Amino acid sequence: MSDWLVYALLDALMAALATILAKIGLSGVDSITATAMRSIVMMFFTVGLMLVVKGPGLVQTLTSRDIIYIVLSGVAGALSWILYFLALQKGPTTPVVVVDKSSLLFIVVMSILLLGEPLSVKKIVSVALMFTAILLLSI
């Protein structure tokens, strides 16, 4: 099994756990406060992990382009979490998560349009199947 596949599967497991824990924790907290609290925990955890595993020196190697795209990604991620937590707070867990995973469809389209990844029959069929699954699970 490829390293990336192991990491991706572990990522999916942690994302599922994060969703279940968030749903439980959102019972008395608004989505913005919950996102802020989660972000603070994630910041301390990831900065600590970076310092232990990589050391502080790698931060100095970032270019201004790297920083701009990482900051923009952080803003998009924060907005995504706020909206996700709001949807999770107001709706049932499974349909919310299924619709959230429709980001896969957006990623495929954006990776073709913005990153120049090739379009193939396999991608078209996969996107159609994902779209069908999202519709079936969210209705």
Foldseek 3Di string as FASTA:
>chain_A
DDPVVVVVVVVVVVVVVVLVVLLVVLQPPALLVVLVVVVVVVVVVVVVVCCVPPNPVVVVVDDPVNVVVVVVVVVVVSVLSSVLSNCSNVDPRFLSVLVSVLVVVVVVVCCCVPVVDDDDPVVVVVNVVSVVVNVVRND
